[in-house]
PDB file of N, CA and C in Angstrom:
ATOM      1  N   MET A   1     113.709  64.932 103.270  1.00  0.00           N
ATOM      2  CA  MET A   1     112.850  66.344 103.370  1.00  0.00           C
ATOM      3  C   MET A   1     112.030  66.435 104.750  1.00  0.00           C
ATOM      4  N   ALA A   2     111.689  65.408 105.553  1.00  0.00           N
ATOM      5  CA  ALA A   2     111.333  65.398 106.788  1.00  0.00           C
ATOM      6  C   ALA A   2     111.970  66.231 107.601  1.00  0.00           C
ATOM      7  N   LEU A   3     111.426  67.052 108.479  1.00  0.00           N
ATOM      8  CA  LEU A   3     112.361  67.510 109.767  1.00  0.00           C
ATOM      9  C   LEU A   3     112.788  67.131 110.713  1.00  0.00           C
ATOM     10  N   SER A   4     114.017  67.031 111.030  1.00  0.00           N
ATOM     11  CA  SER A   4     114.924  66.152 112.200  1.00  0.00           C
ATOM     12  C   SER A   4     114.276  66.512 113.309  1.00  0.00           C
ATOM     13  N   LYS A   5     114.424  65.601 114.482  1.00  0.00           N
ATOM     14  CA  LYS A   5     114.082  65.977 115.511  1.00  0.00           C
ATOM     15  C   LYS A   5     114.884  67.957 116.250  1.00  0.00           C
ATOM     16  N   ASP A   6     116.235  67.544 115.814  1.00  0.00           N
ATOM     17  CA  ASP A   6     116.619  68.724 115.760  1.00  0.00           C
ATOM     18  C   ASP A   6     116.162  70.426 115.274  1.00  0.00           C
ATOM     19  N   GLU A   7     116.360  69.986 114.468  1.00  0.00           N
ATOM     20  CA  GLU A   7     115.012  71.079 113.298  1.00  0.00           C
ATOM     21  C   GLU A   7     113.698  71.506 113.726  1.00  0.00           C
ATOM     22  N   LYS A   8     112.908  70.566 114.191  1.00  0.00           N
ATOM     23  CA  LYS A   8     111.995  70.909 114.737  1.00  0.00           C
ATOM     24  C   LYS A   8     112.112  71.880 116.142  1.00  0.00           C
ATOM     25  N   ALA A   9     112.814  70.942 116.815  1.00  0.00           N
ATOM     26  CA  ALA A   9     113.183  71.806 118.182  1.00  0.00           C
ATOM     27  C   ALA A   9     114.320  73.046 118.068  1.00  0.00           C
ATOM     28  N   GLN A  10     114.413  73.656 116.903  1.00  0.00           N
ATOM     29  CA  GLN A  10     114.763  74.765 116.550  1.00  0.00           C
ATOM     30  C   GLN A  10     113.870  75.797 115.840  1.00  0.00           C
ATOM     31  N   ILE A  11     112.949  75.128 115.238  1.00  0.00           N
ATOM     32  CA  ILE A  11     111.932  75.956 115.098  1.00  0.00           C
ATOM     33  C   ILE A  11     110.765  76.055 115.830  1.00  0.00           C
ATOM     34  N   ILE A  12     111.159  75.324 117.019  1.00  0.00           N
ATOM     35  CA  ILE A  12     109.617  75.541 117.801  1.00  0.00           C
ATOM     36  C   ILE A  12     110.441  76.851 119.096  1.00  0.00           C
ATOM     37  N   GLU A  13     111.636  76.643 118.903  1.00  0.00           N
ATOM     38  CA  GLU A  13     112.212  77.164 120.393  1.00  0.00           C
ATOM     39  C   GLU A  13     112.392  78.926 119.418  1.00  0.00           C
ATOM     40  N   GLN A  14     112.307  79.146 118.094  1.00  0.00           N
ATOM     41  CA  GLN A  14     112.352  80.402 117.672  1.00  0.00           C
ATOM     42  C   GLN A  14     111.033  81.123 117.343  1.00  0.00           C
ATOM     43  N   TYR A  15     109.959  80.365 117.356  1.00  0.00           N
ATOM     44  CA  TYR A  15     108.972  80.636 117.129  1.00  0.00           C
ATOM     45  C   TYR A  15     108.103  80.699 118.235  1.00  0.00           C
ATOM     46  N   ARG A  16     108.055  79.894 119.311  1.00  0.00           N
ATOM     47  CA  ARG A  16     107.112  79.499 120.423  1.00  0.00           C
ATOM     48  C   ARG A  16     106.648  80.999 121.166  1.00  0.00           C
ATOM     49  N   ILE A  17     105.729  80.850 122.174  1.00  0.00           N
ATOM     50  CA  ILE A  17     104.901  81.892 122.603  1.00  0.00           C
ATOM     51  C   ILE A  17     105.328  81.845 124.026  1.00  0.00           C
ATOM     52  N   HIS A  18     105.587  80.471 124.669  1.00  0.00           N
ATOM     53  CA  HIS A  18     106.000  80.391 125.857  1.00  0.00           C
ATOM     54  C   HIS A  18     106.454  79.092 125.827  1.00  0.00           C
ATOM     55  N   LEU A  19     107.243  78.842 126.896  1.00  0.00           N
ATOM     56  CA  LEU A  19     107.959  77.733 127.186  1.00  0.00           C
ATOM     57  C   LEU A  19     107.613  76.578 127.404  1.00  0.00           C
ATOM     58  N   GLN A  20     106.054  75.928 127.331  1.00  0.00           N
ATOM     59  CA  GLN A  20     105.759  74.924 127.192  1.00  0.00           C
ATOM     60  C   GLN A  20     105.420  74.425 125.946  1.00  0.00           C
ATOM     61  N   ASP A  21     105.103  75.775 124.920  1.00  0.00           N
ATOM     62  CA  ASP A  21     104.693  75.587 123.457  1.00  0.00           C
ATOM     63  C   ASP A  21     105.262  74.777 122.487  1.00  0.00           C
ATOM     64  N   THR A  22     104.749  74.015 121.853  1.00  0.00           N
ATOM     65  CA  THR A  22     105.207  73.196 121.131  1.00  0.00           C
ATOM     66  C   THR A  22     104.184  72.952 119.624  1.00  0.00           C
ATOM     67  N   GLY A  23     103.161  73.487 119.990  1.00  0.00           N
ATOM     68  CA  GLY A  23     102.092  72.897 119.053  1.00  0.00           C
ATOM     69  C   GLY A  23     101.254  74.169 118.970  1.00  0.00           C
ATOM     70  N   SER A  24     101.384  75.466 118.881  1.00  0.00           N
ATOM     71  CA  SER A  24     100.580  76.416 118.675  1.00  0.00           C
ATOM     72  C   SER A  24     100.815  76.955 117.365  1.00  0.00           C
ATOM     73  N   THR A  25     100.026  77.522 116.711  1.00  0.00           N
ATOM     74  CA  THR A  25      99.359  78.227 115.301  1.00  0.00           C
ATOM     75  C   THR A  25     100.537  78.476 114.593  1.00  0.00           C
ATOM     76  N   GLU A  26     101.425  79.398 115.604  1.00  0.00           N
ATOM     77  CA  GLU A  26     102.670  80.079 115.108  1.00  0.00           C
ATOM     78  C   GLU A  26     103.871  79.080 114.802  1.00  0.00           C
ATOM     79  N   VAL A  27     103.762  78.378 115.577  1.00  0.00           N
ATOM     80  CA  VAL A  27     104.609  77.081 115.351  1.00  0.00           C
ATOM     81  C   VAL A  27     104.620  76.044 114.212  1.00  0.00           C
ATOM     82  N   GLN A  28     103.046  75.697 114.240  1.00  0.00           N
ATOM     83  CA  GLN A  28     102.839  74.737 113.162  1.00  0.00           C
ATOM     84  C   GLN A  28     102.943  75.205 111.732  1.00  0.00           C
ATOM     85  N   ILE A  29     103.096  76.745 111.861  1.00  0.00           N
ATOM     86  CA  ILE A  29     102.972  77.142 110.228  1.00  0.00           C
ATOM     87  C   ILE A  29     104.232  77.415 110.107  1.00  0.00           C
ATOM     88  N   ALA A  30     105.147  78.110 110.957  1.00  0.00           N
ATOM     89  CA  ALA A  30     106.864  77.957 110.828  1.00  0.00           C
ATOM     90  C   ALA A  30     107.205  76.500 110.527  1.00  0.00           C
ATOM     91  N   GLN A  31     106.749  75.428 110.829  1.00  0.00           N
ATOM     92  CA  GLN A  31     106.892  74.062 110.453  1.00  0.00           C
ATOM     93  C   GLN A  31     106.918  73.968 109.277  1.00  0.00           C
ATOM     94  N   LEU A  32     105.437  74.138 108.642  1.00  0.00           N
ATOM     95  CA  LEU A  32     104.754  73.604 107.252  1.00  0.00           C
ATOM     96  C   LEU A  32     105.781  74.389 106.075  1.00  0.00           C
ATOM     97  N   THR A  33     106.243  75.615 106.702  1.00  0.00           N
ATOM     98  CA  THR A  33     106.560  76.871 105.726  1.00  0.00           C
ATOM     99  C   THR A  33     107.743  75.721 105.537  1.00  0.00           C
ATOM    100  N   GLU A  34     108.520  75.360 106.614  1.00  0.00           N
ATOM    101  CA  GLU A  34     109.991  74.854 106.239  1.00  0.00           C
ATOM    102  C   GLU A  34     110.101  73.255 105.074  1.00  0.00           C
ATOM    103  N   GLU A  35     108.762  72.824 105.868  1.00  0.00           N
ATOM    104  CA  GLU A  35     108.506  71.581 104.940  1.00  0.00           C
ATOM    105  C   GLU A  35     108.530  71.870 103.414  1.00  0.00           C
ATOM    106  N   ILE A  36     107.408  72.746 103.267  1.00  0.00           N
ATOM    107  CA  ILE A  36     107.225  73.228 101.862  1.00  0.00           C
ATOM    108  C   ILE A  36     108.247  73.499 101.197  1.00  0.00           C
ATOM    109  N   ARG A  37     109.357  74.647 102.081  1.00  0.00           N
ATOM    110  CA  ARG A  37     110.758  75.045 101.229  1.00  0.00           C
ATOM    111  C   ARG A  37     111.404  73.550 100.821  1.00  0.00           C
ATOM    112  N   ARG A  38     111.565  73.142 101.367  1.00  0.00           N
ATOM    113  CA  ARG A  38     112.105  71.479 101.240  1.00  0.00           C
ATOM    114  C   ARG A  38     111.630  70.683 100.099  1.00  0.00           C
ATOM    115  N   LEU A  39     110.150  70.418 100.284  1.00  0.00           N
ATOM    116  CA  LEU A  39     109.391  69.656  98.974  1.00  0.00           C
ATOM    117  C   LEU A  39     109.695  70.492  97.709  1.00  0.00           C
ATOM    118  N   THR A  40     109.802  72.154  97.905  1.00  0.00           N
ATOM    119  CA  THR A  40     109.836  72.666  96.832  1.00  0.00           C
ATOM    120  C   THR A  40     111.266  72.451  96.153  1.00  0.00           C
ATOM    121  N   GLU A  41     112.257  72.124  96.860  1.00  0.00           N
ATOM    122  CA  GLU A  41     113.297  72.093  96.346  1.00  0.00           C
ATOM    123  C   GLU A  41     113.766  70.787  95.885  1.00  0.00           C
ATOM    124  N   HIS A  42     112.939  69.549  96.431  1.00  0.00           N
ATOM    125  CA  HIS A  42     113.328  68.413  95.805  1.00  0.00           C
ATOM    126  C   HIS A  42     112.267  68.524  94.243  1.00  0.00           C
ATOM    127  N   LEU A  43     111.469  69.052  94.150  1.00  0.00           N
ATOM    128  CA  LEU A  43     110.396  69.154  93.023  1.00  0.00           C
ATOM    129  C   LEU A  43     111.131  69.491  91.693  1.00  0.00           C
ATOM    130  N   LYS A  44     112.160  70.675  92.037  1.00  0.00           N
ATOM    131  CA  LYS A  44     112.688  71.462  91.271  1.00  0.00           C
ATOM    132  C   LYS A  44     113.649  69.979  90.510  1.00  0.00           C
ATOM    133  N   THR A  45     114.128  69.122  91.224  1.00  0.00           N
ATOM    134  CA  THR A  45     115.267  68.458  90.731  1.00  0.00           C
ATOM    135  C   THR A  45     114.504  66.768  90.197  1.00  0.00           C
ATOM    136  N   HIS A  46     113.145  66.573  90.862  1.00  0.00           N
ATOM    137  CA  HIS A  46     112.584  65.209  90.904  1.00  0.00           C
ATOM    138  C   HIS A  46     110.933  65.733  90.289  1.00  0.00           C
ATOM    139  N   ARG A  47     110.932  66.322  88.908  1.00  0.00           N
ATOM    140  CA  ARG A  47     110.227  66.812  88.514  1.00  0.00           C
ATOM    141  C   ARG A  47     108.629  66.025  88.026  1.00  0.00           C
ATOM    142  N   LYS A  48     108.972  64.425  88.027  1.00  0.00           N
ATOM    143  CA  LYS A  48     107.823  63.685  87.878  1.00  0.00           C
ATOM    144  C   LYS A  48     107.541  62.766  89.413  1.00  0.00           C
ATOM    145  N   ASP A  49     107.805  63.207  91.095  1.00  0.00           N
ATOM    146  CA  ASP A  49     107.884  62.580  91.751  1.00  0.00           C
ATOM    147  C   ASP A  49     106.262  63.313  92.325  1.00  0.00           C
ATOM    148  N   PHE A  50     105.073  62.350  91.548  1.00  0.00           N
ATOM    149  CA  PHE A  50     103.796  62.695  91.978  1.00  0.00           C
ATOM    150  C   PHE A  50     103.317  62.593  93.354  1.00  0.00           C
ATOM    151  N   HIS A  51     104.113  61.741  94.154  1.00  0.00           N
ATOM    152  CA  HIS A  51     103.221  61.951  95.820  1.00  0.00           C
ATOM    153  C   HIS A  51     104.139  62.650  96.310  1.00  0.00           C
ATOM    154  N   SER A  52     105.163  63.024  96.218  1.00  0.00           N
ATOM    155  CA  SER A  52     105.794  64.348  96.792  1.00  0.00           C
ATOM    156  C   SER A  52     104.854  65.641  96.390  1.00  0.00           C
ATOM    157  N   GLN A  53     104.491  65.450  95.090  1.00  0.00           N
ATOM    158  CA  GLN A  53     103.715  66.621  94.395  1.00  0.00           C
ATOM    159  C   GLN A  53     102.247  67.189  95.375  1.00  0.00           C
ATOM    160  N   ARG A  54     101.678  65.831  95.478  1.00  0.00           N
ATOM    161  CA  ARG A  54     100.074  65.817  96.322  1.00  0.00           C
ATOM    162  C   ARG A  54     100.935  66.385  98.042  1.00  0.00           C
ATOM    163  N   GLY A  55     102.049  65.584  98.483  1.00  0.00           N
ATOM    164  CA  GLY A  55     101.843  66.055  99.932  1.00  0.00           C
ATOM    165  C   GLY A  55     102.177  67.138  99.892  1.00  0.00           C
ATOM    166  N   LEU A  56     103.273  68.436  99.010  1.00  0.00           N
ATOM    167  CA  LEU A  56     102.735  69.636  99.187  1.00  0.00           C
ATOM    168  C   LEU A  56     102.093  70.288  98.758  1.00  0.00           C
ATOM    169  N   THR A  57     101.287  69.694  98.174  1.00  0.00           N
ATOM    170  CA  THR A  57      99.709  70.414  97.806  1.00  0.00           C
ATOM    171  C   THR A  57      99.187  70.281  99.210  1.00  0.00           C
ATOM    172  N   LEU A  58      98.969  69.477  99.831  1.00  0.00           N
ATOM    173  CA  LEU A  58      98.492  68.923 101.069  1.00  0.00           C
ATOM    174  C   LEU A  58      98.687  70.408 102.173  1.00  0.00           C
ATOM    175  N   LYS A  59      99.961  70.674 102.241  1.00  0.00           N
ATOM    176  CA  LYS A  59     101.006  70.926 103.295  1.00  0.00           C
ATOM    177  C   LYS A  59     100.531  72.564 103.136  1.00  0.00           C
ATOM    178  N   VAL A  60     100.289  72.853 101.503  1.00  0.00           N
ATOM    179  CA  VAL A  60     100.618  74.458 100.924  1.00  0.00           C
ATOM    180  C   VAL A  60      98.833  74.686 102.091  1.00  0.00           C
ATOM    181  N   GLY A  61      98.078  73.424 101.925  1.00  0.00           N
ATOM    182  CA  GLY A  61      96.624  74.004 101.916  1.00  0.00           C
ATOM    183  C   GLY A  61      96.250  73.877 103.536  1.00  0.00           C
ATOM    184  N   GLN A  62      97.127  73.051 104.346  1.00  0.00           N
ATOM    185  CA  GLN A  62      97.345  73.194 105.821  1.00  0.00           C
ATOM    186  C   GLN A  62      97.568  74.175 106.038  1.00  0.00           C
ATOM    187  N   ARG A  63      98.800  74.902 105.658  1.00  0.00           N
ATOM    188  CA  ARG A  63      99.333  76.187 105.849  1.00  0.00           C
ATOM    189  C   ARG A  63      97.931  77.368 105.826  1.00  0.00           C
ATOM    190  N   LYS A  64      97.847  77.448 104.429  1.00  0.00           N
ATOM    191  CA  LYS A  64      96.778  78.360 104.514  1.00  0.00           C
ATOM    192  C   LYS A  64      95.944  78.587 105.319  1.00  0.00           C
ATOM    193  N   ARG A  65      95.316  77.105 105.865  1.00  0.00           N
ATOM    194  CA  ARG A  65      94.060  77.136 106.595  1.00  0.00           C
ATOM    195  C   ARG A  65      94.549  77.768 108.178  1.00  0.00           C
ATOM    196  N   LEU A  66      95.418  77.306 108.147  1.00  0.00           N
ATOM    197  CA  LEU A  66      96.260  78.160 109.708  1.00  0.00           C
ATOM    198  C   LEU A  66      96.248  79.588 109.841  1.00  0.00           C
ATOM    199  N   LEU A  67      96.985  79.975 108.620  1.00  0.00           N
ATOM    200  CA  LEU A  67      97.222  81.662 108.083  1.00  0.00           C
ATOM    201  C   LEU A  67      95.801  82.113 108.424  1.00  0.00           C
ATOM    202  N   LYS A  68      94.807  81.583 108.058  1.00  0.00           N
ATOM    203  CA  LYS A  68      93.662  81.875 108.002  1.00  0.00           C
ATOM    204  C   LYS A  68      93.111  82.079 109.416  1.00  0.00           C
ATOM    205  N   TYR A  69      93.300  81.313 109.747  1.00  0.00           N
ATOM    206  CA  TYR A  69      92.610  81.328 111.584  1.00  0.00           C
ATOM    207  C   TYR A  69      93.464  82.220 111.836  1.00  0.00           C
ATOM    208  N   LEU A  70      94.621  82.023 112.017  1.00  0.00           N
ATOM    209  CA  LEU A  70      95.691  83.404 112.600  1.00  0.00           C
ATOM    210  C   LEU A  70      95.426  84.804 112.437  1.00  0.00           C
ATOM    211  N   ALA A  71      94.982  84.776 111.255  1.00  0.00           N
ATOM    212  CA  ALA A  71      94.757  86.656 110.713  1.00  0.00           C
ATOM    213  C   ALA A  71      93.291  86.496 111.623  1.00  0.00           C
ATOM    214  N   GLN A  72      92.328  85.526 111.506  1.00  0.00           N
ATOM    215  CA  GLN A  72      91.063  85.919 112.089  1.00  0.00           C
ATOM    216  C   GLN A  72      91.116  86.404 113.878  1.00  0.00           C
ATOM    217  N   LYS A  73      91.819  85.546 114.514  1.00  0.00           N
ATOM    218  CA  LYS A  73      92.046  85.363 115.962  1.00  0.00           C
ATOM    219  C   LYS A  73      93.411  86.359 116.726  1.00  0.00           C
ATOM    220  N   ASN A  74      93.870  86.694 116.055  1.00  0.00           N
ATOM    221  CA  ASN A  74      95.186  87.391 116.437  1.00  0.00           C
ATOM    222  C   ASN A  74      95.810  88.422 114.970  1.00  0.00           C
ATOM    223  N   PRO A  75      95.458  89.356 114.600  1.00  0.00           N
ATOM    224  CA  PRO A  75      95.902  89.791 113.356  1.00  0.00           C
ATOM    225  C   PRO A  75      97.556  90.458 113.433  1.00  0.00           C
ATOM    226  N   GLU A  76      97.461  90.869 114.531  1.00  0.00           N
ATOM    227  CA  GLU A  76      99.068  91.320 115.104  1.00  0.00           C
ATOM    228  C   GLU A  76     100.078  90.485 114.798  1.00  0.00           C
ATOM    229  N   GLN A  77     100.002  89.422 115.268  1.00  0.00           N
ATOM    230  CA  GLN A  77     100.607  88.460 115.700  1.00  0.00           C
ATOM    231  C   GLN A  77     100.672  87.724 114.076  1.00  0.00           C
ATOM    232  N   TYR A  78      99.804  87.582 113.094  1.00  0.00           N
ATOM    233  CA  TYR A  78      99.455  87.199 112.085  1.00  0.00           C
ATOM    234  C   TYR A  78     100.893  87.895 111.124  1.00  0.00           C
ATOM    235  N   THR A  79     100.761  89.494 111.267  1.00  0.00           N
ATOM    236  CA  THR A  79     101.233  90.523 110.509  1.00  0.00           C
ATOM    237  C   THR A  79     103.123  89.761 110.989  1.00  0.00           C
ATOM    238  N   LYS A  80     103.004  89.785 112.200  1.00  0.00           N
ATOM    239  CA  LYS A  80     104.436  89.632 112.482  1.00  0.00           C
ATOM    240  C   LYS A  80     104.997  88.298 112.078  1.00  0.00           C
ATOM    241  N   LEU A  81     104.334  87.251 112.141  1.00  0.00           N
ATOM    242  CA  LEU A  81     105.030  86.197 111.392  1.00  0.00           C
ATOM    243  C   LEU A  81     105.081  85.865 110.113  1.00  0.00           C
ATOM    244  N   VAL A  82     104.148  86.259 109.008  1.00  0.00           N
ATOM    245  CA  VAL A  82     104.438  86.324 107.970  1.00  0.00           C
ATOM    246  C   VAL A  82     105.393  87.094 107.722  1.00  0.00           C
ATOM    247  N   SER A  83     106.173  88.665 107.996  1.00  0.00           N
ATOM    248  CA  SER A  83     106.920  89.036 107.578  1.00  0.00           C
ATOM    249  C   SER A  83     108.001  87.882 108.375  1.00  0.00           C
ATOM    250  N   GLN A  84     108.231  87.550 109.475  1.00  0.00           N
ATOM    251  CA  GLN A  84     109.395  86.988 110.138  1.00  0.00           C
ATOM    252  C   GLN A  84     109.476  85.502 108.877  1.00  0.00           C
ATOM    253  N   LEU A  85     108.352  84.904 108.169  1.00  0.00           N
ATOM    254  CA  LEU A  85     108.928  83.703 107.440  1.00  0.00           C
ATOM    255  C   LEU A  85     108.965  84.140 106.058  1.00  0.00           C
ATOM    256  N   GLY A  86     108.418  85.907 105.528  1.00  0.00           N
ATOM    257  CA  GLY A  86     108.816  85.991 104.017  1.00  0.00           C
ATOM    258  C   GLY A  86     107.823  85.611 103.184  1.00  0.00           C
ATOM    259  N   LEU A  87     106.779  85.341 103.708  1.00  0.00           N
ATOM    260  CA  LEU A  87     105.300  84.876 103.017  1.00  0.00           C
ATOM    261  C   LEU A  87     104.599  86.172 102.562  1.00  0.00           C
ATOM    262  N   ARG A  88     104.011  85.951 101.711  1.00  0.00           N
ATOM    263  CA  ARG A  88     102.913  86.943 101.042  1.00  0.00           C
ATOM    264  C   ARG A  88     103.906  88.264 100.491  1.00  0.00           C
ATOM    265  N   GLY A  89     104.621  87.781  98.974  1.00  0.00           N
ATOM    266  CA  GLY A  89     105.125  88.633  98.687  1.00  0.00           C
ATOM    267  C   GLY A  89     106.666  88.709  98.216  1.00  0.00           C
TER     268      GLY A  89
END
């Protein structure tokens, strides 16, 4: 369920702002989104995995806070990222 180094590197490459960017808001949101998708698929088959369910809830909350921050600081980047990730709709 956790992302491998290669998968994280691929996400960073796709969503980074500059060459040294590894932890910008956009990158964090993209990584959380991928982790949320994986946990959702896991929970479809393992319905009683309550520990993973709690982890999913925490990740969704963290992504929500980061999206709110990005929407306040840079609305153009927010709309671009939401459309790229397929969120909100």
